[in-house]
N, C-alpha and C. Protein backbone atom coordinates (compact mmCIF):
# COMPACT_ATOMS: atom_id res chain seq x y z
N MET A 1 -8.05 -15.83 23.69
CA MET A 1 -7.31 -15.78 22.44
C MET A 1 -6.90 -14.33 22.18
N ARG A 2 -5.63 -14.15 21.81
CA ARG A 2 -5.11 -12.81 21.54
C ARG A 2 -5.47 -12.39 20.13
N PRO A 3 -5.81 -11.13 19.93
CA PRO A 3 -6.15 -10.66 18.58
C PRO A 3 -4.91 -10.61 17.68
N PHE A 4 -5.17 -10.68 16.40
CA PHE A 4 -4.10 -10.57 15.41
C PHE A 4 -3.49 -9.17 15.53
N PRO A 5 -2.16 -9.08 15.62
CA PRO A 5 -1.53 -7.76 15.80
C PRO A 5 -1.54 -6.95 14.50
N LEU A 6 -2.43 -5.98 14.43
CA LEU A 6 -2.57 -5.18 13.22
C LEU A 6 -1.60 -4.00 13.17
N GLY A 7 -0.99 -3.67 14.29
CA GLY A 7 -0.07 -2.54 14.32
C GLY A 7 1.02 -2.61 13.25
N PRO A 8 1.73 -3.73 13.14
CA PRO A 8 2.77 -3.82 12.11
C PRO A 8 2.22 -3.66 10.69
N LEU A 9 1.02 -4.15 10.45
CA LEU A 9 0.42 -4.00 9.12
C LEU A 9 0.12 -2.53 8.83
N TYR A 10 -0.46 -1.83 9.81
CA TYR A 10 -0.74 -0.42 9.63
C TYR A 10 0.54 0.38 9.46
N GLU A 11 1.57 0.02 10.21
CA GLU A 11 2.88 0.69 10.07
C GLU A 11 3.44 0.46 8.67
N SER A 12 3.28 -0.74 8.15
CA SER A 12 3.76 -1.04 6.81
C SER A 12 3.01 -0.23 5.77
N GLN A 13 1.70 -0.12 5.92
CA GLN A 13 0.91 0.68 4.99
C GLN A 13 1.41 2.12 4.98
N THR A 14 1.62 2.67 6.16
CA THR A 14 2.08 4.05 6.28
C THR A 14 3.46 4.20 5.66
N ARG A 15 4.31 3.23 5.93
CA ARG A 15 5.68 3.30 5.40
C ARG A 15 5.70 3.22 3.88
N VAL A 16 4.92 2.31 3.30
CA VAL A 16 4.86 2.19 1.84
C VAL A 16 4.37 3.50 1.23
N ARG A 17 3.34 4.07 1.81
CA ARG A 17 2.79 5.33 1.31
C ARG A 17 3.83 6.45 1.39
N GLN A 18 4.50 6.57 2.54
CA GLN A 18 5.48 7.64 2.73
C GLN A 18 6.70 7.45 1.83
N GLU A 19 7.15 6.22 1.71
CA GLU A 19 8.31 5.96 0.85
C GLU A 19 7.99 6.29 -0.61
N PHE A 20 6.78 5.98 -1.04
CA PHE A 20 6.39 6.32 -2.42
C PHE A 20 6.33 7.83 -2.59
N LEU A 21 5.77 8.54 -1.63
CA LEU A 21 5.71 10.00 -1.73
C LEU A 21 7.12 10.60 -1.77
N ASP A 22 8.00 10.08 -0.94
CA ASP A 22 9.40 10.54 -0.96
C ASP A 22 10.05 10.25 -2.31
N PHE A 23 9.81 9.06 -2.83
CA PHE A 23 10.36 8.70 -4.13
C PHE A 23 9.82 9.61 -5.22
N ALA A 24 8.52 9.85 -5.22
CA ALA A 24 7.90 10.70 -6.25
C ALA A 24 8.48 12.11 -6.21
N GLU A 25 8.71 12.61 -5.01
CA GLU A 25 9.31 13.94 -4.87
C GLU A 25 10.74 13.95 -5.43
N GLN A 26 11.50 12.93 -5.10
CA GLN A 26 12.87 12.84 -5.62
C GLN A 26 12.87 12.69 -7.13
N TRP A 27 11.96 11.90 -7.66
CA TRP A 27 11.90 11.72 -9.11
C TRP A 27 11.58 13.05 -9.79
N GLN A 28 10.68 13.83 -9.22
CA GLN A 28 10.36 15.13 -9.83
C GLN A 28 11.59 16.02 -9.87
N ARG A 29 12.38 16.03 -8.81
CA ARG A 29 13.62 16.83 -8.79
C ARG A 29 14.60 16.31 -9.85
N THR A 30 14.73 14.99 -9.96
CA THR A 30 15.62 14.39 -10.95
C THR A 30 15.15 14.71 -12.35
N ARG A 31 13.87 14.63 -12.54
CA ARG A 31 13.26 14.85 -13.86
C ARG A 31 13.49 16.27 -14.37
N GLU A 32 13.54 17.22 -13.45
CA GLU A 32 13.78 18.61 -13.86
C GLU A 32 15.12 18.77 -14.56
N GLY A 33 16.11 17.98 -14.17
CA GLY A 33 17.42 18.08 -14.78
C GLY A 33 17.72 17.01 -15.81
N TRP A 34 16.84 16.06 -15.95
CA TRP A 34 17.06 14.94 -16.86
C TRP A 34 15.92 14.92 -17.87
N ARG A 35 16.10 15.64 -18.94
CA ARG A 35 15.04 15.79 -19.94
C ARG A 35 15.52 15.33 -21.31
N ASP A 36 15.71 14.05 -21.45
CA ASP A 36 16.11 13.52 -22.75
C ASP A 36 15.35 12.21 -22.99
N GLU A 37 15.66 11.58 -24.10
CA GLU A 37 14.95 10.34 -24.47
C GLU A 37 15.18 9.22 -23.46
N PRO A 38 16.40 9.00 -22.97
CA PRO A 38 16.56 7.96 -21.94
C PRO A 38 15.71 8.22 -20.69
N ALA A 39 15.56 9.47 -20.30
CA ALA A 39 14.72 9.80 -19.14
C ALA A 39 13.26 9.45 -19.42
N ARG A 40 12.80 9.85 -20.60
CA ARG A 40 11.41 9.56 -20.98
C ARG A 40 11.17 8.05 -21.03
N LYS A 41 12.14 7.34 -21.61
CA LYS A 41 12.01 5.88 -21.72
C LYS A 41 12.02 5.22 -20.33
N PHE A 42 12.93 5.68 -19.46
CA PHE A 42 12.97 5.15 -18.10
C PHE A 42 11.65 5.37 -17.38
N GLU A 43 11.13 6.57 -17.48
CA GLU A 43 9.86 6.86 -16.82
C GLU A 43 8.74 5.99 -17.37
N GLN A 44 8.70 5.86 -18.68
CA GLN A 44 7.64 5.06 -19.30
C GLN A 44 7.76 3.58 -18.95
N GLU A 45 8.97 3.04 -19.04
CA GLU A 45 9.14 1.60 -18.85
C GLU A 45 9.24 1.18 -17.39
N ALA A 46 9.85 2.01 -16.56
CA ALA A 46 10.11 1.59 -15.18
C ALA A 46 9.15 2.20 -14.16
N LEU A 47 8.61 3.36 -14.46
CA LEU A 47 7.84 4.06 -13.44
C LEU A 47 6.35 4.19 -13.72
N SER A 48 5.94 4.05 -14.95
CA SER A 48 4.53 4.33 -15.28
C SER A 48 3.55 3.41 -14.55
N ASP A 49 3.95 2.19 -14.27
CA ASP A 49 3.05 1.25 -13.58
C ASP A 49 3.21 1.27 -12.06
N LEU A 50 4.18 2.02 -11.57
CA LEU A 50 4.47 2.00 -10.14
C LEU A 50 3.31 2.51 -9.28
N ALA A 51 2.79 3.67 -9.58
CA ALA A 51 1.70 4.24 -8.77
C ALA A 51 0.46 3.34 -8.77
N PRO A 52 -0.01 2.88 -9.93
CA PRO A 52 -1.17 1.99 -9.91
C PRO A 52 -0.91 0.69 -9.15
N THR A 53 0.30 0.15 -9.28
CA THR A 53 0.64 -1.08 -8.56
C THR A 53 0.62 -0.84 -7.07
N LEU A 54 1.21 0.26 -6.61
CA LEU A 54 1.21 0.56 -5.19
C LEU A 54 -0.20 0.84 -4.67
N THR A 55 -1.04 1.41 -5.50
CA THR A 55 -2.44 1.62 -5.11
C THR A 55 -3.13 0.28 -4.88
N ARG A 56 -2.87 -0.68 -5.77
CA ARG A 56 -3.46 -2.02 -5.60
C ARG A 56 -2.89 -2.71 -4.36
N VAL A 57 -1.60 -2.55 -4.12
CA VAL A 57 -0.98 -3.15 -2.92
C VAL A 57 -1.61 -2.55 -1.67
N ALA A 58 -1.77 -1.24 -1.64
CA ALA A 58 -2.36 -0.57 -0.48
C ALA A 58 -3.80 -1.05 -0.26
N ALA A 59 -4.55 -1.21 -1.33
CA ALA A 59 -5.93 -1.70 -1.21
C ALA A 59 -5.95 -3.14 -0.69
N ALA A 60 -5.04 -3.96 -1.17
CA ALA A 60 -4.97 -5.36 -0.70
C ALA A 60 -4.58 -5.41 0.78
N MET A 61 -3.65 -4.55 1.19
CA MET A 61 -3.25 -4.52 2.60
C MET A 61 -4.43 -4.09 3.47
N GLN A 62 -5.23 -3.13 2.98
CA GLN A 62 -6.39 -2.68 3.75
C GLN A 62 -7.43 -3.78 3.83
N THR A 63 -7.66 -4.49 2.73
CA THR A 63 -8.61 -5.60 2.72
C THR A 63 -8.17 -6.68 3.72
N PHE A 64 -6.87 -6.97 3.72
CA PHE A 64 -6.33 -7.96 4.66
C PHE A 64 -6.53 -7.51 6.10
N ALA A 65 -6.22 -6.25 6.38
CA ALA A 65 -6.39 -5.71 7.75
C ALA A 65 -7.85 -5.78 8.16
N ASP A 66 -8.76 -5.43 7.26
CA ASP A 66 -10.20 -5.49 7.57
C ASP A 66 -10.64 -6.93 7.86
N ALA A 67 -10.14 -7.88 7.07
CA ALA A 67 -10.49 -9.29 7.27
C ALA A 67 -9.94 -9.79 8.60
N CYS A 68 -8.73 -9.38 8.95
CA CYS A 68 -8.16 -9.78 10.25
C CYS A 68 -8.96 -9.21 11.40
N ARG A 69 -9.32 -7.94 11.28
CA ARG A 69 -10.11 -7.30 12.34
C ARG A 69 -11.48 -7.98 12.49
N GLN A 70 -12.11 -8.29 11.37
CA GLN A 70 -13.42 -8.96 11.41
C GLN A 70 -13.28 -10.37 11.99
N SER A 71 -12.22 -11.07 11.61
CA SER A 71 -11.99 -12.42 12.15
C SER A 71 -11.80 -12.37 13.66
N ASP A 72 -11.02 -11.39 14.13
CA ASP A 72 -10.83 -11.24 15.57
C ASP A 72 -12.15 -11.00 16.28
N GLN A 73 -12.99 -10.16 15.70
CA GLN A 73 -14.29 -9.88 16.31
C GLN A 73 -15.16 -11.13 16.36
N LEU A 74 -15.12 -11.92 15.29
CA LEU A 74 -15.92 -13.15 15.25
C LEU A 74 -15.40 -14.19 16.23
N LEU A 75 -14.11 -14.22 16.46
CA LEU A 75 -13.55 -15.16 17.43
C LEU A 75 -13.98 -14.78 18.85
N VAL A 76 -14.10 -13.49 19.11
CA VAL A 76 -14.53 -13.03 20.41
C VAL A 76 -16.03 -13.24 20.58
N ASP A 77 -16.79 -12.95 19.54
CA ASP A 77 -18.25 -13.07 19.60
C ASP A 77 -18.76 -13.67 18.29
N PRO A 78 -18.84 -15.00 18.20
CA PRO A 78 -19.29 -15.67 16.97
C PRO A 78 -20.69 -15.26 16.53
N GLU A 79 -21.51 -14.76 17.44
CA GLU A 79 -22.87 -14.37 17.07
C GLU A 79 -22.89 -13.11 16.21
N LEU A 80 -21.75 -12.44 16.08
CA LEU A 80 -21.69 -11.27 15.20
C LEU A 80 -21.80 -11.67 13.73
N ASN A 81 -21.53 -12.96 13.46
CA ASN A 81 -21.62 -13.45 12.09
C ASN A 81 -23.07 -13.40 11.66
N ASP A 82 -23.33 -12.66 10.58
CA ASP A 82 -24.70 -12.51 10.10
C ASP A 82 -25.07 -13.55 9.05
N GLY A 83 -24.23 -14.58 8.95
CA GLY A 83 -24.51 -15.65 8.00
C GLY A 83 -23.91 -15.40 6.63
N ALA A 84 -23.20 -14.27 6.48
CA ALA A 84 -22.62 -13.95 5.18
C ALA A 84 -21.35 -14.72 4.93
């Protein structure tokens, strides 16, 4: 049995992280020149939940990758299961 291909999942995690960092950098540059009430409102309404949401997504992706890796190990050697 072939193991679950985790490479694409790890690549996705890296890409999500890098894209967010790139976005945050761009937003900081935009924010330097956009200092009015619409900017504040946009940041509050559209961006304030973005970082925490992406943190939860990254954690869920890691949990999924860990579960896939553990499942692959158990398929290769079922005796690794400690009864949990």
